[in-house]
C-alpha atoms as a PDB file:
ATOM      1  CA  MET A   1     127.914  47.742  57.883  1.00  0.00           C
ATOM      2  CA  GLY A   2     127.191  45.236  55.247  1.00  0.00           C
ATOM      3  CA  SER A   3     128.789  42.177  53.128  1.00  0.00           C
ATOM      4  CA  VAL A   4     131.009  43.199  50.355  1.00  0.00           C
ATOM      5  CA  PRO A   5     129.945  41.270  47.338  1.00  0.00           C
ATOM      6  CA  GLY A   6     131.803  38.409  45.385  1.00  0.00           C
ATOM      7  CA  PRO A   7     134.474  39.095  42.821  1.00  0.00           C
ATOM      8  CA  ALA A   8     133.317  39.649  38.994  1.00  0.00           C
ATOM      9  CA  ALA A   9     133.241  36.865  36.608  1.00  0.00           C
ATOM     10  CA  GLY A  10     136.991  36.071  34.794  1.00  0.00           C
ATOM     11  CA  THR A  11     138.819  37.636  37.760  1.00  0.00           C
ATOM     12  CA  THR A  12     141.939  35.793  38.229  1.00  0.00           C
ATOM     13  CA  ASP A  13     144.789  35.232  40.313  1.00  0.00           C
ATOM     14  CA  ALA A  14     147.918  35.517  37.768  1.00  0.00           C
ATOM     15  CA  GLN A  15     150.961  35.513  38.945  1.00  0.00           C
ATOM     16  CA  ILE A  16     153.145  39.553  38.409  1.00  0.00           C
ATOM     17  CA  PRO A  17     156.489  39.093  37.468  1.00  0.00           C
ATOM     18  CA  PRO A  18     158.308  39.733  41.055  1.00  0.00           C
ATOM     19  CA  ASN A  19     160.303  42.559  42.266  1.00  0.00           C
ATOM     20  CA  THR A  20     158.973  45.132  39.106  1.00  0.00           C
ATOM     21  CA  PRO A  21     157.317  48.265  39.664  1.00  0.00           C
ATOM     22  CA  LEU A  22     153.730  48.454  39.312  1.00  0.00           C
ATOM     23  CA  ASP A  23     151.816  50.176  37.391  1.00  0.00           C
ATOM     24  CA  ILE A  24     148.529  51.129  39.878  1.00  0.00           C
ATOM     25  CA  ALA A  25     145.287  51.372  37.604  1.00  0.00           C
ATOM     26  CA  GLY A  26     141.992  51.544  38.017  1.00  0.00           C
ATOM     27  CA  ARG A  27     139.715  48.591  37.272  1.00  0.00           C
ATOM     28  CA  GLY A  28     137.321  48.336  34.748  1.00  0.00           C
ATOM     29  CA  ASN A  29     137.172  52.280  34.398  1.00  0.00           C
ATOM     30  CA  GLY A  30     140.797  52.802  32.933  1.00  0.00           C
ATOM     31  CA  GLY A  31     141.299  55.898  35.736  1.00  0.00           C
ATOM     32  CA  ALA A  32     144.060  55.960  38.447  1.00  0.00           C
ATOM     33  CA  VAL A  33     143.003  55.193  41.657  1.00  0.00           C
ATOM     34  CA  PRO A  34     144.163  56.926  45.025  1.00  0.00           C
ATOM     35  CA  ALA A  35     147.861  55.652  46.013  1.00  0.00           C
ATOM     36  CA  PRO A  36     147.670  52.816  48.698  1.00  0.00           C
ATOM     37  CA  PRO A  37     148.065  52.865  51.960  1.00  0.00           C
ATOM     38  CA  GLY A  38     151.753  51.482  52.511  1.00  0.00           C
ATOM     39  CA  HIS A  39     151.287  49.247  55.341  1.00  0.00           C
ATOM     40  CA  VAL A  40     147.547  47.321  55.435  1.00  0.00           C
ATOM     41  CA  ALA A  41     147.233  44.988  58.769  1.00  0.00           C
ATOM     42  CA  LEU A  42     144.488  41.904  59.099  1.00  0.00           C
ATOM     43  CA  ILE A  43     142.809  40.531  61.734  1.00  0.00           C
ATOM     44  CA  MET A  44     141.624  37.768  60.252  1.00  0.00           C
ATOM     45  CA  ASP A  45     138.704  36.191  61.930  1.00  0.00           C
ATOM     46  CA  GLY A  46     135.540  33.792  60.972  1.00  0.00           C
ATOM     47  CA  ASN A  47     137.331  30.980  59.777  1.00  0.00           C
ATOM     48  CA  GLY A  48     135.120  28.683  62.925  1.00  0.00           C
ATOM     49  CA  ARG A  49     131.882  30.462  62.186  1.00  0.00           C
ATOM     50  CA  TRP A  50     132.693  29.524  58.727  1.00  0.00           C
ATOM     51  CA  ALA A  51     133.149  25.713  59.096  1.00  0.00           C
ATOM     52  CA  MET A  52     129.862  25.852  60.989  1.00  0.00           C
ATOM     53  CA  ALA A  53     127.800  27.257  58.621  1.00  0.00           C
ATOM     54  CA  HIS A  54     128.527  25.219  55.905  1.00  0.00           C
ATOM     55  CA  GLY A  55     128.445  22.042  58.241  1.00  0.00           C
ATOM     56  CA  LEU A  56     132.196  21.212  58.506  1.00  0.00           C
ATOM     57  CA  PRO A  57     134.406  20.530  61.099  1.00  0.00           C
ATOM     58  CA  ARG A  58     136.963  23.663  62.746  1.00  0.00           C
ATOM     59  CA  ALA A  59     140.246  22.404  60.739  1.00  0.00           C
ATOM     60  CA  ALA A  60     138.219  22.756  57.220  1.00  0.00           C
ATOM     61  CA  GLY A  61     137.435  26.363  58.208  1.00  0.00           C
ATOM     62  CA  HIS A  62     140.672  26.920  58.858  1.00  0.00           C
ATOM     63  CA  SER A  63     142.122  25.555  55.869  1.00  0.00           C
ATOM     64  CA  ALA A  64     139.610  27.775  53.923  1.00  0.00           C
ATOM     65  CA  GLY A  65     141.498  30.740  55.902  1.00  0.00           C
ATOM     66  CA  ALA A  66     144.552  29.975  54.261  1.00  0.00           C
ATOM     67  CA  GLU A  67     142.884  29.976  50.594  1.00  0.00           C
ATOM     68  CA  ALA A  68     141.657  33.401  51.579  1.00  0.00           C
ATOM     69  CA  VAL A  69     145.398  34.370  52.674  1.00  0.00           C
ATOM     70  CA  ARG A  70     146.853  33.233  48.953  1.00  0.00           C
ATOM     71  CA  ARG A  71     143.767  35.639  47.291  1.00  0.00           C
ATOM     72  CA  CYS A  72     144.990  38.690  50.058  1.00  0.00           C
ATOM     73  CA  VAL A  73     148.548  38.404  49.581  1.00  0.00           C
ATOM     74  CA  GLN A  74     148.041  38.417  45.728  1.00  0.00           C
ATOM     75  CA  ALA A  75     145.686  41.511  45.824  1.00  0.00           C
ATOM     76  CA  ALA A  76     148.284  43.682  47.733  1.00  0.00           C
ATOM     77  CA  ILE A  77     150.807  42.467  45.333  1.00  0.00           C
ATOM     78  CA  ARG A  78     148.475  43.857  42.445  1.00  0.00           C
ATOM     79  CA  ARG A  79     147.619  47.292  44.728  1.00  0.00           C
ATOM     80  CA  GLY A  80     150.835  47.745  45.225  1.00  0.00           C
ATOM     81  CA  VAL A  81     150.965  47.478  48.802  1.00  0.00           C
ATOM     82  CA  GLY A  82     154.601  47.553  50.128  1.00  0.00           C
ATOM     83  CA  TYR A  83     153.764  45.578  53.692  1.00  0.00           C
ATOM     84  CA  LEU A  84     151.059  43.804  54.460  1.00  0.00           C
ATOM     85  CA  THR A  85     150.631  41.936  57.863  1.00  0.00           C
ATOM     86  CA  LEU A  86     148.470  39.033  58.879  1.00  0.00           C
ATOM     87  CA  TYR A  87     147.268  38.353  62.475  1.00  0.00           C
ATOM     88  CA  ALA A  88     147.905  34.423  62.017  1.00  0.00           C
ATOM     89  CA  PHE A  89     148.103  32.976  65.354  1.00  0.00           C
ATOM     90  CA  SER A  90     147.507  35.354  68.321  1.00  0.00           C
ATOM     91  CA  SER A  91     148.936  34.662  72.126  1.00  0.00           C
ATOM     92  CA  GLU A  92     145.359  33.895  73.040  1.00  0.00           C
ATOM     93  CA  ASN A  93     145.726  31.188  70.612  1.00  0.00           C
ATOM     94  CA  TRP A  94     147.130  28.683  72.583  1.00  0.00           C
ATOM     95  CA  ARG A  95     144.104  28.530  75.426  1.00  0.00           C
ATOM     96  CA  ARG A  96     142.145  26.812  72.650  1.00  0.00           C
ATOM     97  CA  THR A  97     141.585  23.046  72.512  1.00  0.00           C
ATOM     98  CA  PRO A  98     144.700  20.942  72.086  1.00  0.00           C
ATOM     99  CA  ASP A  99     143.300  19.872  69.067  1.00  0.00           C
ATOM    100  CA  GLU A 100     142.829  23.161  67.465  1.00  0.00           C
ATOM    101  CA  VAL A 101     146.075  24.136  68.045  1.00  0.00           C
ATOM    102  CA  ALA A 102     147.084  20.937  66.419  1.00  0.00           C
ATOM    103  CA  ASP A 103     145.598  21.534  63.171  1.00  0.00           C
ATOM    104  CA  LEU A 104     146.272  25.428  63.612  1.00  0.00           C
ATOM    105  CA  THR A 105     150.252  25.007  64.019  1.00  0.00           C
ATOM    106  CA  SER A 106     149.965  21.954  61.720  1.00  0.00           C
ATOM    107  CA  LEU A 107     148.741  24.040  59.294  1.00  0.00           C
ATOM    108  CA  LEU A 108     151.126  26.431  59.848  1.00  0.00           C
ATOM    109  CA  ARG A 109     153.757  23.879  59.385  1.00  0.00           C
ATOM    110  CA  TYR A 110     152.919  22.942  55.764  1.00  0.00           C
ATOM    111  CA  TYR A 111     152.471  26.686  54.607  1.00  0.00           C
ATOM    112  CA  LEU A 112     156.349  26.966  55.834  1.00  0.00           C
ATOM    113  CA  ARG A 113     157.061  24.012  54.054  1.00  0.00           C
ATOM    114  CA  HIS A 114     155.228  23.979  50.746  1.00  0.00           C
ATOM    115  CA  LYS A 115     154.550  27.756  50.105  1.00  0.00           C
ATOM    116  CA  VAL A 116     157.438  29.878  50.750  1.00  0.00           C
ATOM    117  CA  ALA A 117     158.692  29.475  47.550  1.00  0.00           C
ATOM    118  CA  GLU A 118     156.147  30.397  45.259  1.00  0.00           C
ATOM    119  CA  LEU A 119     156.031  33.457  47.686  1.00  0.00           C
ATOM    120  CA  SER A 120     159.239  34.081  46.884  1.00  0.00           C
ATOM    121  CA  ARG A 121     158.949  33.838  43.411  1.00  0.00           C
ATOM    122  CA  GLU A 122     156.602  36.213  43.536  1.00  0.00           C
ATOM    123  CA  GLY A 123     159.189  38.899  45.228  1.00  0.00           C
ATOM    124  CA  VAL A 124     157.355  38.383  48.750  1.00  0.00           C
ATOM    125  CA  ARG A 125     159.789  38.961  51.523  1.00  0.00           C
ATOM    126  CA  ILE A 126     158.223  37.371  54.894  1.00  0.00           C
ATOM    127  CA  ARG A 127     159.158  38.909  58.576  1.00  0.00           C
ATOM    128  CA  ILE A 128     157.813  37.035  61.426  1.00  0.00           C
ATOM    129  CA  ILE A 129     156.772  38.776  64.849  1.00  0.00           C
ATOM    130  CA  GLY A 130     155.638  37.310  67.960  1.00  0.00           C
ATOM    131  CA  ASP A 131     156.699  35.037  70.642  1.00  0.00           C
ATOM    132  CA  LEU A 132     158.116  31.331  68.472  1.00  0.00           C
ATOM    133  CA  SER A 133     159.243  29.962  71.726  1.00  0.00           C
ATOM    134  CA  ARG A 134     156.094  28.203  72.588  1.00  0.00           C
ATOM    135  CA  PHE A 135     156.114  26.539  68.940  1.00  0.00           C
ATOM    136  CA  ASP A 136     157.846  23.253  68.107  1.00  0.00           C
ATOM    137  CA  ASP A 137     161.125  23.368  66.985  1.00  0.00           C
ATOM    138  CA  ASP A 138     160.375  22.469  63.733  1.00  0.00           C
ATOM    139  CA  VAL A 139     158.320  25.545  63.186  1.00  0.00           C
ATOM    140  CA  ARG A 140     160.882  27.510  64.684  1.00  0.00           C
ATOM    141  CA  ALA A 141     163.384  26.364  62.076  1.00  0.00           C
ATOM    142  CA  GLU A 142     160.760  26.736  59.111  1.00  0.00           C
ATOM    143  CA  ALA A 143     160.208  30.034  60.112  1.00  0.00           C
ATOM    144  CA  LYS A 144     163.853  31.056  60.406  1.00  0.00           C
ATOM    145  CA  ARG A 145     164.075  29.396  57.109  1.00  0.00           C
ATOM    146  CA  ALA A 146     161.331  31.627  55.337  1.00  0.00           C
ATOM    147  CA  GLU A 147     162.915  34.525  56.691  1.00  0.00           C
ATOM    148  CA  ASP A 148     166.130  33.615  55.736  1.00  0.00           C
ATOM    149  CA  VAL A 149     165.560  32.653  51.980  1.00  0.00           C
ATOM    150  CA  THR A 150     162.899  35.575  51.260  1.00  0.00           C
ATOM    151  CA  SER A 151     164.954  38.658  52.767  1.00  0.00           C
ATOM    152  CA  ALA A 152     166.304  40.286  49.189  1.00  0.00           C
ATOM    153  CA  ASN A 153     162.503  40.130  48.164  1.00  0.00           C
ATOM    154  CA  ARG A 154     160.971  43.778  47.664  1.00  0.00           C
ATOM    155  CA  ARG A 155     157.991  43.757  46.191  1.00  0.00           C
ATOM    156  CA  LEU A 156     156.043  43.096  49.664  1.00  0.00           C
ATOM    157  CA  THR A 157     156.659  42.141  52.953  1.00  0.00           C
ATOM    158  CA  LEU A 158     154.717  39.858  54.055  1.00  0.00           C
ATOM    159  CA  VAL A 159     154.527  39.949  58.104  1.00  0.00           C
ATOM    160  CA  LEU A 160     153.154  37.039  59.792  1.00  0.00           C
ATOM    161  CA  ALA A 161     152.327  37.707  63.563  1.00  0.00           C
ATOM    162  CA  LEU A 162     152.806  34.537  65.151  1.00  0.00           C
ATOM    163  CA  SER A 163     151.931  33.794  69.043  1.00  0.00           C
ATOM    164  CA  TYR A 164     151.775  37.501  68.938  1.00  0.00           C
ATOM    165  CA  GLY A 165     149.994  39.703  71.162  1.00  0.00           C
ATOM    166  CA  GLY A 166     150.414  44.027  71.376  1.00  0.00           C
ATOM    167  CA  ARG A 167     150.412  44.111  75.250  1.00  0.00           C
ATOM    168  CA  ALA A 168     153.042  41.480  75.647  1.00  0.00           C
ATOM    169  CA  ASP A 169     154.836  43.018  72.613  1.00  0.00           C
ATOM    170  CA  ILE A 170     154.935  46.331  74.653  1.00  0.00           C
ATOM    171  CA  MET A 171     156.465  44.447  77.999  1.00  0.00           C
ATOM    172  CA  GLN A 172     158.887  43.026  76.147  1.00  0.00           C
ATOM    173  CA  ALA A 173     159.383  46.495  74.826  1.00  0.00           C
ATOM    174  CA  ALA A 174     159.671  47.895  78.317  1.00  0.00           C
ATOM    175  CA  LYS A 175     161.977  45.174  79.663  1.00  0.00           C
ATOM    176  CA  HIS A 176     164.798  45.619  77.292  1.00  0.00           C
ATOM    177  CA  VAL A 177     164.249  49.617  78.147  1.00  0.00           C
ATOM    178  CA  ALA A 178     164.674  48.900  81.620  1.00  0.00           C
ATOM    179  CA  LEU A 179     167.768  46.965  80.842  1.00  0.00           C
ATOM    180  CA  ALA A 180     169.310  49.269  79.094  1.00  0.00           C
ATOM    181  CA  VAL A 181     168.633  51.916  81.534  1.00  0.00           C
ATOM    182  CA  ARG A 182     170.030  49.735  84.168  1.00  0.00           C
ATOM    183  CA  ASP A 183     173.277  48.916  82.053  1.00  0.00           C
ATOM    184  CA  GLY A 184     174.336  52.835  81.674  1.00  0.00           C
ATOM    185  CA  ALA A 185     172.786  52.624  77.448  1.00  0.00           C
ATOM    186  CA  LEU A 186     170.394  54.787  77.911  1.00  0.00           C
ATOM    187  CA  ASP A 187     169.445  57.872  79.822  1.00  0.00           C
ATOM    188  CA  PRO A 188     165.910  57.799  80.616  1.00  0.00           C
ATOM    189  CA  ALA A 189     166.105  61.297  79.761  1.00  0.00           C
ATOM    190  CA  GLN A 190     166.404  61.111  76.293  1.00  0.00           C
ATOM    191  CA  LEU A 191     163.342  57.984  76.017  1.00  0.00           C
ATOM    192  CA  ASP A 192     160.397  59.262  73.783  1.00  0.00           C
ATOM    193  CA  GLU A 193     157.543  57.315  71.478  1.00  0.00           C
ATOM    194  CA  SER A 194     159.921  57.151  68.815  1.00  0.00           C
ATOM    195  CA  LEU A 195     163.009  55.691  70.757  1.00  0.00           C
ATOM    196  CA  PHE A 196     161.003  53.526  72.941  1.00  0.00           C
ATOM    197  CA  GLY A 197     159.444  52.010  69.376  1.00  0.00           C
ATOM    198  CA  ARG A 198     163.072  50.530  68.671  1.00  0.00           C
ATOM    199  CA  PHE A 199     162.387  48.048  70.915  1.00  0.00           C
ATOM    200  CA  LEU A 200     158.878  46.632  69.944  1.00  0.00           C
ATOM    201  CA  LEU A 201     159.027  43.812  67.914  1.00  0.00           C
ATOM    202  CA  THR A 202     157.948  45.984  64.819  1.00  0.00           C
ATOM    203  CA  ALA A 203     161.131  48.568  65.201  1.00  0.00           C
ATOM    204  CA  ASP A 204     162.397  47.910  61.413  1.00  0.00           C
ATOM    205  CA  LEU A 205     158.562  48.204  60.354  1.00  0.00           C
ATOM    206  CA  PRO A 206     156.672  50.761  59.303  1.00  0.00           C
ATOM    207  CA  ASP A 207     153.068  51.642  61.294  1.00  0.00           C
ATOM    208  CA  PRO A 208     149.955  50.001  59.617  1.00  0.00           C
ATOM    209  CA  ASP A 209     147.783  52.829  58.025  1.00  0.00           C
ATOM    210  CA  LEU A 210     144.602  50.412  57.375  1.00  0.00           C
ATOM    211  CA  ILE A 211     143.655  47.722  60.114  1.00  0.00           C
ATOM    212  CA  ILE A 212     140.616  45.342  58.455  1.00  0.00           C
ATOM    213  CA  ARG A 213     138.920  43.307  60.708  1.00  0.00           C
ATOM    214  CA  THR A 214     136.775  40.421  58.907  1.00  0.00           C
ATOM    215  CA  SER A 215     133.424  38.684  60.346  1.00  0.00           C
ATOM    216  CA  GLY A 216     131.871  41.656  61.777  1.00  0.00           C
ATOM    217  CA  GLU A 217     133.295  41.779  65.010  1.00  0.00           C
ATOM    218  CA  CYS A 218     134.477  45.802  66.084  1.00  0.00           C
ATOM    219  CA  ARG A 219     137.986  45.739  67.899  1.00  0.00           C
ATOM    220  CA  LEU A 220     141.578  45.145  67.956  1.00  0.00           C
ATOM    221  CA  SER A 221     141.968  42.074  69.713  1.00  0.00           C
ATOM    222  CA  ASN A 222     145.034  43.056  71.355  1.00  0.00           C
ATOM    223  CA  PHE A 223     146.504  43.056  67.908  1.00  0.00           C
ATOM    224  CA  LEU A 224     149.442  45.864  67.455  1.00  0.00           C
ATOM    225  CA  LEU A 225     148.169  48.320  69.899  1.00  0.00           C
ATOM    226  CA  TRP A 226     151.346  50.344  70.174  1.00  0.00           C
ATOM    227  CA  GLN A 227     151.420  50.764  66.108  1.00  0.00           C
ATOM    228  CA  SER A 228     147.453  51.097  65.851  1.00  0.00           C
ATOM    229  CA  ALA A 229     147.401  54.617  67.447  1.00  0.00           C
ATOM    230  CA  TYR A 230     146.541  55.954  64.233  1.00  0.00           C
ATOM    231  CA  ALA A 231     145.755  53.464  61.862  1.00  0.00           C
ATOM    232  CA  GLU A 232     141.993  53.395  59.899  1.00  0.00           C
ATOM    233  CA  LEU A 233     140.379  50.703  61.139  1.00  0.00           C
ATOM    234  CA  VAL A 234     137.565  49.086  58.490  1.00  0.00           C
ATOM    235  CA  PHE A 235     135.288  46.469  60.281  1.00  0.00           C
ATOM    236  CA  LEU A 236     133.446  43.558  57.556  1.00  0.00           C
ATOM    237  CA  ASP A 237     130.998  41.680  57.952  1.00  0.00           C
ATOM    238  CA  THR A 238     132.501  39.052  55.743  1.00  0.00           C
ATOM    239  CA  LEU A 239     133.884  35.709  57.063  1.00  0.00           C
ATOM    240  CA  TRP A 240     137.874  35.084  56.585  1.00  0.00           C
ATOM    241  CA  PRO A 241     137.339  32.398  54.030  1.00  0.00           C
ATOM    242  CA  ASP A 242     135.142  34.120  51.705  1.00  0.00           C
ATOM    243  CA  PHE A 243     137.385  37.260  51.623  1.00  0.00           C
ATOM    244  CA  ASN A 244     138.547  38.085  48.213  1.00  0.00           C
ATOM    245  CA  GLU A 245     140.057  40.938  45.929  1.00  0.00           C
ATOM    246  CA  GLN A 246     136.628  42.590  46.156  1.00  0.00           C
ATOM    247  CA  HIS A 247     136.299  42.915  49.995  1.00  0.00           C
ATOM    248  CA  PHE A 248     140.199  43.795  50.071  1.00  0.00           C
ATOM    249  CA  ASP A 249     139.617  46.956  47.121  1.00  0.00           C
ATOM    250  CA  ALA A 250     136.342  48.017  48.899  1.00  0.00           C
ATOM    251  CA  ALA A 251     138.606  48.497  51.924  1.00  0.00           C
ATOM    252  CA  LEU A 252     141.150  50.633  50.228  1.00  0.00           C
ATOM    253  CA  ASP A 253     138.474  52.488  48.930  1.00  0.00           C
ATOM    254  CA  MET A 254     137.436  53.347  52.362  1.00  0.00           C
ATOM    255  CA  PHE A 255     140.706  54.409  53.289  1.00  0.00           C
ATOM    256  CA  ALA A 256     141.202  56.497  50.184  1.00  0.00           C
ATOM    257  CA  ARG A 257     137.926  58.528  51.323  1.00  0.00           C
ATOM    258  CA  ARG A 258     139.212  58.882  55.156  1.00  0.00           C
ATOM    259  CA  GLU A 259     140.896  62.316  56.105  1.00  0.00           C
ATOM    260  CA  ARG A 260     143.822  61.356  58.256  1.00  0.00           C
ATOM    261  CA  ARG A 261     144.577  64.598  60.693  1.00  0.00           C
ATOM    262  CA  PHE A 262     147.021  62.553  63.243  1.00  0.00           C
ATOM    263  CA  GLY A 263     145.202  64.804  66.050  1.00  0.00           C
ATOM    264  CA  ALA A 264     145.374  68.147  63.459  1.00  0.00           C
ATOM    265  CA  ARG A 265     142.816  70.631  62.794  1.00  0.00           C
ATOM    266  CA  PRO A 266     141.464  69.991  60.043  1.00  0.00           C
ATOM    267  CA  THR A 267     142.325  71.779  56.750  1.00  0.00           C
ATOM    268  CA  LEU A 268     139.620  74.251  55.766  1.00  0.00           C
END
């Protein structure tokens, strides 16, 4: 598992007209490429190590990571990915030092306040999952505004997992199921995986087809645990602030070369 090379000379981040169909074609060879995964999810890891390697404070790593988010969103749009979920702030991130939590929430507040209009112009719909109750009122208000003003967009659904944990998601779903049974709204005999999925925070979203994690770590870290049951996993050595379009394409290429059987026997 090695780092993927950086972007080729001349690569740009030109905007794409919003809410228009894309012609997905091969880059550089003129040939068609396989259909992209419908839903890509990313565990964006390595901001702190990137900052340390560059002799910078951790806050600088988070700022550089935000630029990598911009490149990732552009790459997803270009490749015709329908859903992109970013593990932006985990439920465990609250355990970090107060200064780092303040840096992370300040950066989140800035991007929700100042970058949503740009995303909306490109046809991006923002959807937020997680326990927002732990954030300040202004962050919650900006998050709701971001969802509201982008709700009609259809080019890409950008899902931000904020104060999100996979176990907590399953627990809150189980509690809602128990309440529905108690109130007579649900017959336990009718409960199956599909019905249970309607109680998850991602009820209106497809399960991820591909999960990418950067920085060389090879674990899910409490991310989309129920939803990732049959996701393909790609682990890259690259630190998140260095992530670019070629890394995204490399992960999509690995996905295209895998055979997804969902528990069935391989095709002969």
